[in-house]
Amino acid sequence: MISVDYVRQMAAYNQWMNDKLYAAAASLPPALLDAADGSFFGSISGTLHHLLVGDTIWLQRFATHPAAFAALQPLLAEPAPPRLDSRLADDLPALQARRQQLDAIITQWSAALTPAALNLPLTYRNMRGETHCKPFASLIVHFFNHQSHHRGQASTQLYRQGADIGVTDLLALLPDC
């Protein structure tokens, strides 16, 4: 389905896009980041928090994979966010620091990923406590797709406030042949 090269490329794309989102967010006054805008998570800040919450939850699940990825193990010591709209930091600099830390973990994890690990299933509990077993490779695709979906929302929210993040296409990171 997917390869380790795909995962590594998506990890790089994730970090590149998050750097762009946070640079654009930092150009706005804090009041605009928290202003109610009718979006699903209520504000630019709410969307940025949700991205971090979603990534944290999935990486904590990935940390229970039979391959026991060393880069993910420290996440198991952290409490899981209790809600999808949890606030994980008090201000943008603190949220950005956590984002950068998580992006570094994603990069380290992707570097250690093997084809054999991709082919194993992952059993996990969702936030309601229900147990699921899914193909790990498919969960990774979901993980990166979830990020792209909500970064698209955040980029639109930022643009509406006058902060253009610029090029967002993965194509910009692909090398020419």
C-alpha atoms as a PDB file:
ATOM      1  CA  MET A   1       0.000   0.000   0.000  1.00  0.00           C
ATOM      2  CA  ILE A   2       2.583   2.579   1.137  1.00  0.00           C
ATOM      3  CA  SER A   3       6.331   2.518   1.585  1.00  0.00           C
ATOM      4  CA  VAL A   4       8.672   3.791   4.273  1.00  0.00           C
ATOM      5  CA  ASP A   5       9.825   6.400   1.741  1.00  0.00           C
ATOM      6  CA  TYR A   6       6.246   7.682   1.528  1.00  0.00           C
ATOM      7  CA  VAL A   7       6.056   7.988   5.329  1.00  0.00           C
ATOM      8  CA  ARG A   8       9.367   9.858   5.467  1.00  0.00           C
ATOM      9  CA  GLN A   9       8.245  12.200   2.700  1.00  0.00           C
ATOM     10  CA  MET A  10       4.975  12.895   4.502  1.00  0.00           C
ATOM     11  CA  ALA A  11       6.855  13.528   7.761  1.00  0.00           C
ATOM     12  CA  ALA A  12       8.977  16.136   5.961  1.00  0.00           C
ATOM     13  CA  TYR A  13       5.860  17.674   4.395  1.00  0.00           C
ATOM     14  CA  ASN A  14       4.165  17.762   7.806  1.00  0.00           C
ATOM     15  CA  GLN A  15       7.077  19.646   9.352  1.00  0.00           C
ATOM     16  CA  TRP A  16       7.394  22.069   6.420  1.00  0.00           C
ATOM     17  CA  MET A  17       3.705  22.904   6.492  1.00  0.00           C
ATOM     18  CA  ASN A  18       3.569  23.289  10.266  1.00  0.00           C
ATOM     19  CA  ASP A  19       6.519  25.685  10.142  1.00  0.00           C
ATOM     20  CA  LYS A  20       4.617  27.741   7.545  1.00  0.00           C
ATOM     21  CA  LEU A  21       1.378  27.696   9.578  1.00  0.00           C
ATOM     22  CA  TYR A  22       3.061  28.833  12.757  1.00  0.00           C
ATOM     23  CA  ALA A  23       5.047  31.575  10.994  1.00  0.00           C
ATOM     24  CA  ALA A  24       1.790  32.916   9.559  1.00  0.00           C
ATOM     25  CA  ALA A  25       0.015  32.601  12.915  1.00  0.00           C
ATOM     26  CA  ALA A  26       2.850  34.475  14.641  1.00  0.00           C
ATOM     27  CA  SER A  27       2.295  37.403  12.266  1.00  0.00           C
ATOM     28  CA  LEU A  28      -1.184  37.973  13.708  1.00  0.00           C
ATOM     29  CA  PRO A  29      -2.165  39.531  17.023  1.00  0.00           C
ATOM     30  CA  PRO A  30      -3.034  36.903  19.647  1.00  0.00           C
ATOM     31  CA  ALA A  31      -6.616  38.189  19.830  1.00  0.00           C
ATOM     32  CA  LEU A  32      -7.154  37.215  16.171  1.00  0.00           C
ATOM     33  CA  LEU A  33      -5.835  33.703  16.816  1.00  0.00           C
ATOM     34  CA  ASP A  34      -8.449  33.170  19.517  1.00  0.00           C
ATOM     35  CA  ALA A  35     -11.275  35.062  17.798  1.00  0.00           C
ATOM     36  CA  ALA A  36     -14.387  33.000  17.153  1.00  0.00           C
ATOM     37  CA  ASP A  37     -14.598  32.407  13.409  1.00  0.00           C
ATOM     38  CA  GLY A  38     -17.362  29.843  12.989  1.00  0.00           C
ATOM     39  CA  SER A  39     -14.921  27.055  12.165  1.00  0.00           C
ATOM     40  CA  PHE A  40     -15.254  23.538  13.517  1.00  0.00           C
ATOM     41  CA  PHE A  41     -12.749  24.127  16.338  1.00  0.00           C
ATOM     42  CA  GLY A  42     -13.889  27.715  16.826  1.00  0.00           C
ATOM     43  CA  SER A  43     -10.749  29.682  16.002  1.00  0.00           C
ATOM     44  CA  ILE A  44      -7.311  29.510  14.426  1.00  0.00           C
ATOM     45  CA  SER A  45      -5.897  28.594  17.820  1.00  0.00           C
ATOM     46  CA  GLY A  46      -8.545  25.900  18.281  1.00  0.00           C
ATOM     47  CA  THR A  47      -7.608  24.326  14.958  1.00  0.00           C
ATOM     48  CA  LEU A  48      -3.880  24.415  15.756  1.00  0.00           C
ATOM     49  CA  HIS A  49      -4.577  22.783  19.116  1.00  0.00           C
ATOM     50  CA  HIS A  50      -6.704  20.088  17.460  1.00  0.00           C
ATOM     51  CA  LEU A  51      -3.893  19.264  15.029  1.00  0.00           C
ATOM     52  CA  LEU A  52      -1.552  18.773  17.961  1.00  0.00           C
ATOM     53  CA  VAL A  53      -4.150  16.778  19.918  1.00  0.00           C
ATOM     54  CA  GLY A  54      -4.846  14.467  16.970  1.00  0.00           C
ATOM     55  CA  ASP A  55      -1.165  13.873  16.306  1.00  0.00           C
ATOM     56  CA  THR A  56      -0.489  13.217  19.992  1.00  0.00           C
ATOM     57  CA  ILE A  57      -3.316  10.691  20.261  1.00  0.00           C
ATOM     58  CA  TRP A  58      -2.272   8.811  17.129  1.00  0.00           C
ATOM     59  CA  LEU A  59       1.417   8.797  18.014  1.00  0.00           C
ATOM     60  CA  GLN A  60       0.598   7.451  21.468  1.00  0.00           C
ATOM     61  CA  ARG A  61      -1.328   4.659  19.753  1.00  0.00           C
ATOM     62  CA  PHE A  62       1.536   4.078  17.319  1.00  0.00           C
ATOM     63  CA  ALA A  63       3.865   3.794  20.329  1.00  0.00           C
ATOM     64  CA  THR A  64       2.047   0.565  21.295  1.00  0.00           C
ATOM     65  CA  HIS A  65       2.910  -1.041  17.938  1.00  0.00           C
ATOM     66  CA  PRO A  66       4.742  -4.381  18.273  1.00  0.00           C
ATOM     67  CA  ALA A  67       7.855  -2.728  16.782  1.00  0.00           C
ATOM     68  CA  ALA A  68       8.071  -0.504  19.916  1.00  0.00           C
ATOM     69  CA  PHE A  69       9.478   2.502  18.069  1.00  0.00           C
ATOM     70  CA  ALA A  70      12.041   4.139  20.379  1.00  0.00           C
ATOM     71  CA  ALA A  71      11.178   7.671  19.214  1.00  0.00           C
ATOM     72  CA  LEU A  72       7.552   7.221  20.310  1.00  0.00           C
ATOM     73  CA  GLN A  73       8.113   5.594  23.697  1.00  0.00           C
ATOM     74  CA  PRO A  74       8.427   8.883  25.669  1.00  0.00           C
ATOM     75  CA  LEU A  75       4.905   9.790  24.525  1.00  0.00           C
ATOM     76  CA  LEU A  76       3.494   6.880  26.514  1.00  0.00           C
ATOM     77  CA  ALA A  77       4.525   8.637  29.741  1.00  0.00           C
ATOM     78  CA  GLU A  78       2.426  11.694  28.841  1.00  0.00           C
ATOM     79  CA  PRO A  79      -1.283  11.877  29.612  1.00  0.00           C
ATOM     80  CA  ALA A  80      -3.461  11.491  26.554  1.00  0.00           C
ATOM     81  CA  PRO A  81      -5.476  14.575  25.657  1.00  0.00           C
ATOM     82  CA  PRO A  82      -8.957  13.966  27.107  1.00  0.00           C
ATOM     83  CA  ARG A  83     -10.859  15.658  24.279  1.00  0.00           C
ATOM     84  CA  LEU A  84     -10.342  16.459  20.606  1.00  0.00           C
ATOM     85  CA  ASP A  85     -10.635  20.156  21.436  1.00  0.00           C
ATOM     86  CA  SER A  86      -8.222  20.108  24.397  1.00  0.00           C
ATOM     87  CA  ARG A  87      -5.960  23.109  24.860  1.00  0.00           C
ATOM     88  CA  LEU A  88      -2.358  21.946  25.150  1.00  0.00           C
ATOM     89  CA  ALA A  89      -0.598  25.281  25.718  1.00  0.00           C
ATOM     90  CA  ASP A  90      -1.360  28.732  27.068  1.00  0.00           C
ATOM     91  CA  ASP A  91      -0.059  30.750  24.130  1.00  0.00           C
ATOM     92  CA  LEU A  92       1.221  30.424  20.565  1.00  0.00           C
ATOM     93  CA  PRO A  93       4.954  30.213  21.436  1.00  0.00           C
ATOM     94  CA  ALA A  94       4.301  27.341  23.848  1.00  0.00           C
ATOM     95  CA  LEU A  95       2.031  25.605  21.338  1.00  0.00           C
ATOM     96  CA  GLN A  96       4.649  26.055  18.614  1.00  0.00           C
ATOM     97  CA  ALA A  97       7.365  24.596  20.851  1.00  0.00           C
ATOM     98  CA  ARG A  98       5.211  21.511  21.459  1.00  0.00           C
ATOM     99  CA  ARG A  99       4.456  21.299  17.728  1.00  0.00           C
ATOM    100  CA  GLN A 100       8.153  21.404  16.866  1.00  0.00           C
ATOM    101  CA  GLN A 101       8.891  18.736  19.467  1.00  0.00           C
ATOM    102  CA  LEU A 102       6.185  16.467  18.050  1.00  0.00           C
ATOM    103  CA  ASP A 103       7.331  17.072  14.464  1.00  0.00           C
ATOM    104  CA  ALA A 104      10.861  16.029  15.454  1.00  0.00           C
ATOM    105  CA  ILE A 105       9.428  12.856  16.978  1.00  0.00           C
ATOM    106  CA  ILE A 106       7.476  12.152  13.768  1.00  0.00           C
ATOM    107  CA  THR A 107      10.673  12.564  11.740  1.00  0.00           C
ATOM    108  CA  GLN A 108      12.629  10.254  14.070  1.00  0.00           C
ATOM    109  CA  TRP A 109       9.845   7.666  14.034  1.00  0.00           C
ATOM    110  CA  SER A 110       9.611   7.732  10.227  1.00  0.00           C
ATOM    111  CA  ALA A 111      13.378   7.222   9.955  1.00  0.00           C
ATOM    112  CA  ALA A 112      13.109   4.054  12.072  1.00  0.00           C
ATOM    113  CA  LEU A 113      10.071   2.639  10.283  1.00  0.00           C
ATOM    114  CA  THR A 114      10.620  -0.627   8.401  1.00  0.00           C
ATOM    115  CA  PRO A 115       8.602  -2.353   5.677  1.00  0.00           C
ATOM    116  CA  ALA A 116       7.955  -5.230   8.078  1.00  0.00           C
ATOM    117  CA  ALA A 117       6.458  -2.865  10.667  1.00  0.00           C
ATOM    118  CA  LEU A 118       4.183  -1.345   8.016  1.00  0.00           C
ATOM    119  CA  ASN A 119       2.697  -4.771   7.335  1.00  0.00           C
ATOM    120  CA  LEU A 120       1.684  -5.510  10.922  1.00  0.00           C
ATOM    121  CA  PRO A 121      -1.739  -4.657  12.322  1.00  0.00           C
ATOM    122  CA  LEU A 122      -2.163  -2.215  15.181  1.00  0.00           C
ATOM    123  CA  THR A 123      -4.632  -2.803  17.981  1.00  0.00           C
ATOM    124  CA  TYR A 124      -5.637   0.347  19.863  1.00  0.00           C
ATOM    125  CA  ARG A 125      -8.442   1.885  21.905  1.00  0.00           C
ATOM    126  CA  ASN A 126     -10.299   4.929  20.664  1.00  0.00           C
ATOM    127  CA  MET A 127     -11.317   7.787  22.959  1.00  0.00           C
ATOM    128  CA  ARG A 128     -14.538   5.966  23.862  1.00  0.00           C
ATOM    129  CA  GLY A 129     -12.505   2.953  25.011  1.00  0.00           C
ATOM    130  CA  GLU A 130     -13.518   0.760  22.073  1.00  0.00           C
ATOM    131  CA  THR A 131     -10.840  -1.630  20.813  1.00  0.00           C
ATOM    132  CA  HIS A 132      -9.972  -1.685  17.114  1.00  0.00           C
ATOM    133  CA  CYS A 133      -7.450  -3.589  15.051  1.00  0.00           C
ATOM    134  CA  LYS A 134      -6.480  -2.005  11.719  1.00  0.00           C
ATOM    135  CA  PRO A 135      -3.677  -2.321   9.181  1.00  0.00           C
ATOM    136  CA  PHE A 136      -0.855  -0.097  10.432  1.00  0.00           C
ATOM    137  CA  ALA A 137      -0.085   1.268   6.964  1.00  0.00           C
ATOM    138  CA  SER A 138      -3.705   2.400   6.576  1.00  0.00           C
ATOM    139  CA  LEU A 139      -3.607   4.121   9.968  1.00  0.00           C
ATOM    140  CA  ILE A 140      -0.479   6.000   8.908  1.00  0.00           C
ATOM    141  CA  VAL A 141      -2.265   7.200   5.763  1.00  0.00           C
ATOM    142  CA  HIS A 142      -5.141   8.371   7.985  1.00  0.00           C
ATOM    143  CA  PHE A 143      -2.677  10.124  10.318  1.00  0.00           C
ATOM    144  CA  PHE A 144      -1.153  12.188   7.510  1.00  0.00           C
ATOM    145  CA  ASN A 145      -4.505  12.767   5.782  1.00  0.00           C
ATOM    146  CA  HIS A 146      -5.971  14.116   9.046  1.00  0.00           C
ATOM    147  CA  GLN A 147      -3.092  16.576   9.297  1.00  0.00           C
ATOM    148  CA  SER A 148      -3.548  17.791   5.725  1.00  0.00           C
ATOM    149  CA  HIS A 149      -7.288  18.200   6.184  1.00  0.00           C
ATOM    150  CA  HIS A 150      -7.003  20.391   9.264  1.00  0.00           C
ATOM    151  CA  ARG A 151      -3.970  22.320   7.994  1.00  0.00           C
ATOM    152  CA  GLY A 152      -6.126  23.226   5.008  1.00  0.00           C
ATOM    153  CA  GLN A 153      -8.721  24.596   7.393  1.00  0.00           C
ATOM    154  CA  ALA A 154      -6.067  26.503   9.346  1.00  0.00           C
ATOM    155  CA  SER A 155      -4.543  27.973   6.194  1.00  0.00           C
ATOM    156  CA  THR A 156      -7.989  29.254   5.158  1.00  0.00           C
ATOM    157  CA  GLN A 157      -8.600  30.698   8.635  1.00  0.00           C
ATOM    158  CA  LEU A 158      -5.214  32.452   8.532  1.00  0.00           C
ATOM    159  CA  TYR A 159      -5.818  33.764   5.014  1.00  0.00           C
ATOM    160  CA  ARG A 160      -9.134  35.268   6.091  1.00  0.00           C
ATOM    161  CA  GLN A 161      -7.228  37.225   8.740  1.00  0.00           C
ATOM    162  CA  GLY A 162      -4.649  38.457   6.216  1.00  0.00           C
ATOM    163  CA  ALA A 163      -1.870  35.904   6.781  1.00  0.00           C
ATOM    164  CA  ASP A 164      -1.056  34.006   3.574  1.00  0.00           C
ATOM    165  CA  ILE A 165       1.095  30.935   4.224  1.00  0.00           C
ATOM    166  CA  GLY A 166       2.116  30.649   0.586  1.00  0.00           C
ATOM    167  CA  VAL A 167       2.582  27.439  -1.369  1.00  0.00           C
ATOM    168  CA  THR A 168       1.103  24.408   0.377  1.00  0.00           C
ATOM    169  CA  ASP A 169       1.384  21.737  -2.297  1.00  0.00           C
ATOM    170  CA  LEU A 170       3.445  18.624  -1.615  1.00  0.00           C
ATOM    171  CA  LEU A 171       4.604  19.059  -5.203  1.00  0.00           C
ATOM    172  CA  ALA A 172       6.857  21.910  -4.017  1.00  0.00           C
ATOM    173  CA  LEU A 173       8.919  19.411  -1.997  1.00  0.00           C
ATOM    174  CA  LEU A 174       9.235  16.734  -4.677  1.00  0.00           C
ATOM    175  CA  PRO A 175      12.591  16.657  -6.444  1.00  0.00           C
ATOM    176  CA  ASP A 176      12.745  16.835 -10.209  1.00  0.00           C
ATOM    177  CA  CYS A 177      13.782  13.670 -12.046  1.00  0.00           C
END
